[in-house]
């Protein structure tokens, strides 16, 4: 992963856009990470992913569908 200052990024934006197609580019401001430039496919994959809470809810739903009747029998 490449790291550049915001000043460097402004001066060579085209180069860093090309670089971001291969690996994320971290842009710093005042010596701190400020932004990350990533390829659109990577962004879409991140955006389309489920949040942790959504994943846990899906697991709980799947378990209930698979084992719901067993849980009910055991509860009696």
C-alpha atoms as a PDB file:
ATOM      1  CA  UNK A   1       0.000   0.000   0.000  1.00  0.00           C
ATOM      2  CA  UNK A   2       1.387   3.344  -1.048  1.00  0.00           C
ATOM      3  CA  UNK A   3       1.156   6.414   1.205  1.00  0.00           C
ATOM      4  CA  UNK A   4       1.377   9.967  -0.142  1.00  0.00           C
ATOM      5  CA  UNK A   5       0.793  13.448   1.209  1.00  0.00           C
ATOM      6  CA  UNK A   6      -2.172  15.448  -0.028  1.00  0.00           C
ATOM      7  CA  UNK A   7       0.286  17.838  -1.703  1.00  0.00           C
ATOM      8  CA  UNK A   8       1.953  14.960  -3.571  1.00  0.00           C
ATOM      9  CA  UNK A   9      -1.453  13.624  -4.545  1.00  0.00           C
ATOM     10  CA  UNK A  10      -2.547  16.945  -6.032  1.00  0.00           C
ATOM     11  CA  UNK A  11       0.688  17.210  -8.009  1.00  0.00           C
ATOM     12  CA  UNK A  12       0.504  13.672  -9.441  1.00  0.00           C
ATOM     13  CA  UNK A  13      -3.147  12.659  -9.183  1.00  0.00           C
ATOM     14  CA  UNK A  14      -3.101  10.764 -12.485  1.00  0.00           C
ATOM     15  CA  UNK A  15      -0.215   8.593 -11.335  1.00  0.00           C
ATOM     16  CA  UNK A  16      -1.918   7.768  -8.038  1.00  0.00           C
ATOM     17  CA  UNK A  17      -5.204   6.995  -9.784  1.00  0.00           C
ATOM     18  CA  UNK A  18      -3.314   4.436 -11.865  1.00  0.00           C
ATOM     19  CA  UNK A  19      -1.580   3.099  -8.749  1.00  0.00           C
ATOM     20  CA  UNK A  20      -4.923   2.676  -6.967  1.00  0.00           C
ATOM     21  CA  UNK A  21      -6.007   0.240  -9.682  1.00  0.00           C
ATOM     22  CA  UNK A  22      -3.331  -2.122  -8.331  1.00  0.00           C
ATOM     23  CA  UNK A  23      -3.341  -1.376  -4.588  1.00  0.00           C
ATOM     24  CA  UNK A  24      -4.934   1.144  -2.198  1.00  0.00           C
ATOM     25  CA  UNK A  25      -3.277   4.559  -1.922  1.00  0.00           C
ATOM     26  CA  UNK A  26      -3.397   6.264   1.482  1.00  0.00           C
ATOM     27  CA  UNK A  27      -3.472  10.060   1.337  1.00  0.00           C
ATOM     28  CA  UNK A  28      -2.209  11.863   4.427  1.00  0.00           C
ATOM     29  CA  UNK A  29      -2.957  15.343   5.682  1.00  0.00           C
ATOM     30  CA  UNK A  30      -0.844  16.881   8.450  1.00  0.00           C
ATOM     31  CA  UNK A  31       1.062  13.573   8.732  1.00  0.00           C
ATOM     32  CA  UNK A  32      -2.103  11.578   9.466  1.00  0.00           C
ATOM     33  CA  UNK A  33      -4.030   9.227   7.179  1.00  0.00           C
ATOM     34  CA  UNK A  34      -6.956  11.164   5.770  1.00  0.00           C
ATOM     35  CA  UNK A  35      -8.312   9.268   2.747  1.00  0.00           C
ATOM     36  CA  UNK A  36      -7.843   5.969   0.943  1.00  0.00           C
ATOM     37  CA  UNK A  37      -8.067   5.739  -2.826  1.00  0.00           C
ATOM     38  CA  UNK A  38      -9.174   2.281  -3.991  1.00  0.00           C
ATOM     39  CA  UNK A  39     -10.172   0.574  -7.217  1.00  0.00           C
ATOM     40  CA  UNK A  40     -13.900   0.717  -8.034  1.00  0.00           C
ATOM     41  CA  UNK A  41     -14.218  -3.090  -7.948  1.00  0.00           C
ATOM     42  CA  UNK A  42     -12.784  -3.175  -4.443  1.00  0.00           C
ATOM     43  CA  UNK A  43     -15.142  -0.382  -3.395  1.00  0.00           C
ATOM     44  CA  UNK A  44     -18.161  -2.210  -4.810  1.00  0.00           C
ATOM     45  CA  UNK A  45     -17.133  -5.393  -2.989  1.00  0.00           C
ATOM     46  CA  UNK A  46     -16.819  -3.484   0.290  1.00  0.00           C
ATOM     47  CA  UNK A  47     -20.061  -1.619  -0.254  1.00  0.00           C
ATOM     48  CA  UNK A  48     -21.964  -4.775  -1.125  1.00  0.00           C
ATOM     49  CA  UNK A  49     -20.776  -6.678   1.911  1.00  0.00           C
ATOM     50  CA  UNK A  50     -23.013  -7.217   4.880  1.00  0.00           C
ATOM     51  CA  UNK A  51     -22.294  -5.419   8.122  1.00  0.00           C
ATOM     52  CA  UNK A  52     -21.307  -7.472  11.161  1.00  0.00           C
ATOM     53  CA  UNK A  53     -24.785  -7.047  12.632  1.00  0.00           C
ATOM     54  CA  UNK A  54     -26.408  -8.155   9.379  1.00  0.00           C
ATOM     55  CA  UNK A  55     -24.188 -11.250   9.242  1.00  0.00           C
ATOM     56  CA  UNK A  56     -25.067 -12.188  12.824  1.00  0.00           C
ATOM     57  CA  UNK A  57     -28.770 -11.689  12.138  1.00  0.00           C
ATOM     58  CA  UNK A  58     -28.495 -13.877   9.041  1.00  0.00           C
ATOM     59  CA  UNK A  59     -26.730 -16.625  11.027  1.00  0.00           C
ATOM     60  CA  UNK A  60     -29.432 -16.494  13.711  1.00  0.00           C
ATOM     61  CA  UNK A  61     -32.160 -16.689  11.072  1.00  0.00           C
ATOM     62  CA  UNK A  62     -30.455 -19.627   9.346  1.00  0.00           C
ATOM     63  CA  UNK A  63     -30.096 -21.448  12.680  1.00  0.00           C
ATOM     64  CA  UNK A  64     -33.744 -20.857  13.508  1.00  0.00           C
ATOM     65  CA  UNK A  65     -34.822 -22.198  10.112  1.00  0.00           C
ATOM     66  CA  UNK A  66     -32.635 -25.297  10.501  1.00  0.00           C
ATOM     67  CA  UNK A  67     -33.135 -26.062  14.166  1.00  0.00           C
ATOM     68  CA  UNK A  68     -36.292 -24.173  15.171  1.00  0.00           C
ATOM     69  CA  UNK A  69     -38.431 -27.285  15.573  1.00  0.00           C
ATOM     70  CA  UNK A  70     -35.670 -28.967  17.584  1.00  0.00           C
ATOM     71  CA  UNK A  71     -35.429 -25.932  19.886  1.00  0.00           C
ATOM     72  CA  UNK A  72     -39.207 -26.052  20.409  1.00  0.00           C
ATOM     73  CA  UNK A  73     -39.142 -29.772  21.247  1.00  0.00           C
ATOM     74  CA  UNK A  74     -36.289 -29.295  23.705  1.00  0.00           C
ATOM     75  CA  UNK A  75     -38.076 -26.375  25.367  1.00  0.00           C
ATOM     76  CA  UNK A  76     -41.064 -28.579  26.260  1.00  0.00           C
END
